[in-house]
N, C-alpha and C. Protein backbone atom coordinates (compact mmCIF):
# COMPACT_ATOMS: atom_id res chain seq x y z
N MET A 1 0.82 -1.18 0.00
CA MET A 1 0.00 0.00 0.00
C MET A 1 0.86 1.24 0.00
N GLN A 2 0.46 2.17 -0.78
CA GLN A 2 1.18 3.44 -0.86
C GLN A 2 0.49 4.48 -0.01
N ASN A 3 1.31 5.32 0.59
CA ASN A 3 0.74 6.43 1.36
C ASN A 3 0.57 7.63 0.44
N THR A 4 -0.64 8.02 0.20
CA THR A 4 -0.89 9.22 -0.60
C THR A 4 -1.09 10.39 0.35
N PRO A 5 -0.43 11.50 0.05
CA PRO A 5 -0.58 12.66 0.94
C PRO A 5 -2.01 13.19 0.91
N VAL A 6 -2.45 13.66 2.04
CA VAL A 6 -3.78 14.25 2.15
C VAL A 6 -3.60 15.76 2.22
N VAL A 7 -4.27 16.47 1.32
CA VAL A 7 -4.19 17.93 1.28
C VAL A 7 -5.44 18.49 1.92
N VAL A 8 -5.24 19.31 2.96
CA VAL A 8 -6.36 19.93 3.65
C VAL A 8 -6.32 21.41 3.34
N THR A 9 -7.40 21.96 2.83
CA THR A 9 -7.48 23.41 2.54
C THR A 9 -8.59 23.99 3.39
N PRO A 10 -8.33 25.18 3.95
CA PRO A 10 -9.40 25.82 4.73
C PRO A 10 -10.53 26.27 3.82
N PRO A 11 -11.72 26.43 4.38
CA PRO A 11 -12.84 26.87 3.54
C PRO A 11 -12.59 28.30 3.03
N ALA A 12 -13.13 28.59 1.89
CA ALA A 12 -12.96 29.92 1.29
C ALA A 12 -13.64 30.97 2.16
N GLN A 13 -12.97 32.13 2.28
CA GLN A 13 -13.55 33.22 3.07
C GLN A 13 -14.55 33.99 2.23
N THR A 14 -15.61 34.42 2.92
CA THR A 14 -16.62 35.24 2.25
C THR A 14 -16.37 36.70 2.63
N VAL A 15 -16.18 37.52 1.64
CA VAL A 15 -15.93 38.95 1.87
C VAL A 15 -17.16 39.72 1.44
N VAL A 16 -17.69 40.52 2.36
CA VAL A 16 -18.87 41.34 2.07
C VAL A 16 -18.42 42.79 2.00
N VAL A 17 -18.66 43.41 0.89
CA VAL A 17 -18.28 44.81 0.70
C VAL A 17 -19.55 45.65 0.69
N THR A 18 -19.62 46.57 1.64
CA THR A 18 -20.76 47.48 1.66
C THR A 18 -20.31 48.82 1.11
N PRO A 19 -21.01 49.34 0.15
CA PRO A 19 -20.60 50.62 -0.43
C PRO A 19 -20.79 51.75 0.57
N THR A 20 -19.84 52.65 0.59
CA THR A 20 -19.97 53.81 1.47
C THR A 20 -20.91 54.81 0.82
N PRO A 21 -21.82 55.37 1.59
CA PRO A 21 -22.76 56.33 1.00
C PRO A 21 -22.02 57.59 0.55
N VAL A 22 -22.39 58.07 -0.59
CA VAL A 22 -21.79 59.28 -1.14
C VAL A 22 -22.72 60.45 -0.83
N ALA A 23 -22.16 61.47 -0.23
CA ALA A 23 -22.97 62.65 0.10
C ALA A 23 -23.28 63.39 -1.20
N THR A 24 -24.54 63.42 -1.53
CA THR A 24 -24.93 64.16 -2.72
C THR A 24 -25.57 65.46 -2.27
N GLY A 25 -25.14 66.52 -2.85
CA GLY A 25 -25.64 67.84 -2.49
C GLY A 25 -24.50 68.84 -2.57
N HIS A 26 -24.76 70.02 -2.09
CA HIS A 26 -23.74 71.07 -2.14
C HIS A 26 -24.08 72.15 -1.13
N TYR A 27 -23.11 73.00 -0.88
CA TYR A 27 -23.33 74.14 -0.01
C TYR A 27 -23.80 75.33 -0.84
N GLU A 28 -24.70 76.07 -0.30
CA GLU A 28 -25.14 77.34 -0.92
C GLU A 28 -24.99 78.45 0.10
N THR A 29 -24.64 79.61 -0.37
CA THR A 29 -24.54 80.78 0.48
C THR A 29 -25.88 81.49 0.45
N ARG A 30 -26.49 81.63 1.60
CA ARG A 30 -27.78 82.32 1.70
C ARG A 30 -27.57 83.64 2.44
N VAL A 31 -28.21 84.66 1.95
CA VAL A 31 -28.12 85.99 2.56
C VAL A 31 -29.48 86.30 3.18
N GLN A 32 -29.46 86.75 4.42
CA GLN A 32 -30.71 87.11 5.07
C GLN A 32 -30.54 88.43 5.82
N ASN A 33 -31.62 89.16 5.92
CA ASN A 33 -31.62 90.42 6.65
C ASN A 33 -31.89 90.15 8.13
N VAL A 34 -31.06 90.72 8.99
CA VAL A 34 -31.19 90.54 10.43
C VAL A 34 -31.34 91.92 11.06
N TRP A 35 -32.32 92.06 11.97
CA TRP A 35 -32.55 93.33 12.65
C TRP A 35 -31.55 93.50 13.78
N VAL A 36 -30.88 94.65 13.80
CA VAL A 36 -29.94 95.00 14.87
C VAL A 36 -30.61 96.09 15.70
N GLU A 37 -30.76 95.82 17.00
CA GLU A 37 -31.42 96.77 17.89
C GLU A 37 -30.66 98.09 17.95
N GLY A 38 -31.40 99.16 18.23
CA GLY A 38 -30.77 100.45 18.42
C GLY A 38 -29.95 100.46 19.70
N ARG A 39 -28.96 101.37 19.77
CA ARG A 39 -28.10 101.42 20.95
C ARG A 39 -27.48 102.80 21.10
N TYR A 40 -27.00 103.06 22.29
CA TYR A 40 -26.28 104.30 22.57
C TYR A 40 -24.79 104.06 22.32
N ILE A 41 -24.14 105.07 21.74
CA ILE A 41 -22.70 105.02 21.51
C ILE A 41 -22.07 106.18 22.25
N ASP A 42 -21.07 105.87 23.06
CA ASP A 42 -20.34 106.91 23.81
C ASP A 42 -19.10 107.32 23.02
N GLN A 43 -18.94 108.63 22.86
CA GLN A 43 -17.77 109.16 22.15
C GLN A 43 -17.06 110.15 23.07
N ALA A 44 -15.74 110.00 23.18
CA ALA A 44 -14.95 110.91 24.00
C ALA A 44 -14.53 112.10 23.14
N THR A 45 -14.67 113.29 23.71
CA THR A 45 -14.25 114.51 23.01
C THR A 45 -12.80 114.81 23.39
N PRO A 46 -12.13 115.64 22.63
CA PRO A 46 -10.74 116.01 22.97
C PRO A 46 -10.63 116.67 24.35
N GLN A 47 -11.70 117.29 24.84
CA GLN A 47 -11.67 117.93 26.15
C GLN A 47 -11.84 116.92 27.29
N GLY A 48 -12.12 115.66 26.97
CA GLY A 48 -12.26 114.64 27.99
C GLY A 48 -13.68 114.33 28.40
N SER A 49 -14.65 115.03 27.85
CA SER A 49 -16.04 114.72 28.20
C SER A 49 -16.56 113.63 27.26
N VAL A 50 -17.69 113.05 27.65
CA VAL A 50 -18.27 111.96 26.86
C VAL A 50 -19.61 112.42 26.30
N ILE A 51 -19.79 112.19 25.02
CA ILE A 51 -21.06 112.51 24.36
C ILE A 51 -21.73 111.18 24.01
N ARG A 52 -22.95 111.02 24.48
CA ARG A 52 -23.70 109.80 24.21
C ARG A 52 -24.71 110.10 23.11
N THR A 53 -24.63 109.34 22.03
CA THR A 53 -25.56 109.52 20.91
C THR A 53 -26.30 108.21 20.66
N TRP A 54 -27.52 108.34 20.16
CA TRP A 54 -28.36 107.18 19.88
C TRP A 54 -28.16 106.76 18.43
N GLN A 55 -27.87 105.49 18.24
CA GLN A 55 -27.81 104.91 16.90
C GLN A 55 -29.07 104.08 16.73
N PRO A 56 -29.97 104.46 15.83
CA PRO A 56 -31.24 103.72 15.69
C PRO A 56 -31.01 102.31 15.14
N GLY A 57 -32.00 101.46 15.36
CA GLY A 57 -31.93 100.09 14.85
C GLY A 57 -31.91 100.08 13.33
N HIS A 58 -31.37 99.00 12.79
CA HIS A 58 -31.26 98.89 11.34
C HIS A 58 -31.12 97.41 10.96
N TYR A 59 -31.30 97.14 9.69
CA TYR A 59 -31.11 95.79 9.17
C TYR A 59 -29.68 95.63 8.66
N GLU A 60 -29.09 94.46 8.91
CA GLU A 60 -27.80 94.11 8.34
C GLU A 60 -27.95 92.79 7.59
N GLN A 61 -27.17 92.62 6.53
CA GLN A 61 -27.21 91.37 5.79
C GLN A 61 -26.14 90.42 6.34
N GLN A 62 -26.55 89.17 6.60
CA GLN A 62 -25.62 88.13 7.05
C GLN A 62 -25.64 86.99 6.06
N SER A 63 -24.46 86.48 5.76
CA SER A 63 -24.33 85.34 4.86
C SER A 63 -24.09 84.08 5.68
N THR A 64 -24.81 83.00 5.34
CA THR A 64 -24.62 81.72 6.01
C THR A 64 -24.48 80.64 4.97
N GLN A 65 -23.69 79.60 5.29
CA GLN A 65 -23.54 78.44 4.40
C GLN A 65 -24.59 77.41 4.80
N VAL A 66 -25.34 76.92 3.82
CA VAL A 66 -26.41 75.95 4.06
C VAL A 66 -26.19 74.75 3.14
N TRP A 67 -26.25 73.53 3.71
CA TRP A 67 -26.12 72.31 2.90
C TRP A 67 -27.46 72.01 2.23
N VAL A 68 -27.43 71.84 0.93
CA VAL A 68 -28.65 71.58 0.16
C VAL A 68 -28.50 70.21 -0.48
N SER A 69 -29.41 69.30 -0.15
CA SER A 69 -29.38 67.98 -0.77
C SER A 69 -30.44 67.94 -1.87
N PRO A 70 -30.16 67.16 -2.89
CA PRO A 70 -31.10 67.14 -4.03
C PRO A 70 -32.43 66.51 -3.73
């Protein structure tokens, strides 16, 4: 009787690949008007006294980045 070698191979591995989600969309710059409350402003004069003046309220434009998805 001859001895024949026995070859043992491990079972094949199963590889599962999950696709990574791709962020679809983009940033947009949006401009909006924001109300700024009125306030007093103190100004020093060259003589050393302080003059308080009222600055009325007003609107200012602010830009913000917003993510927009399709």
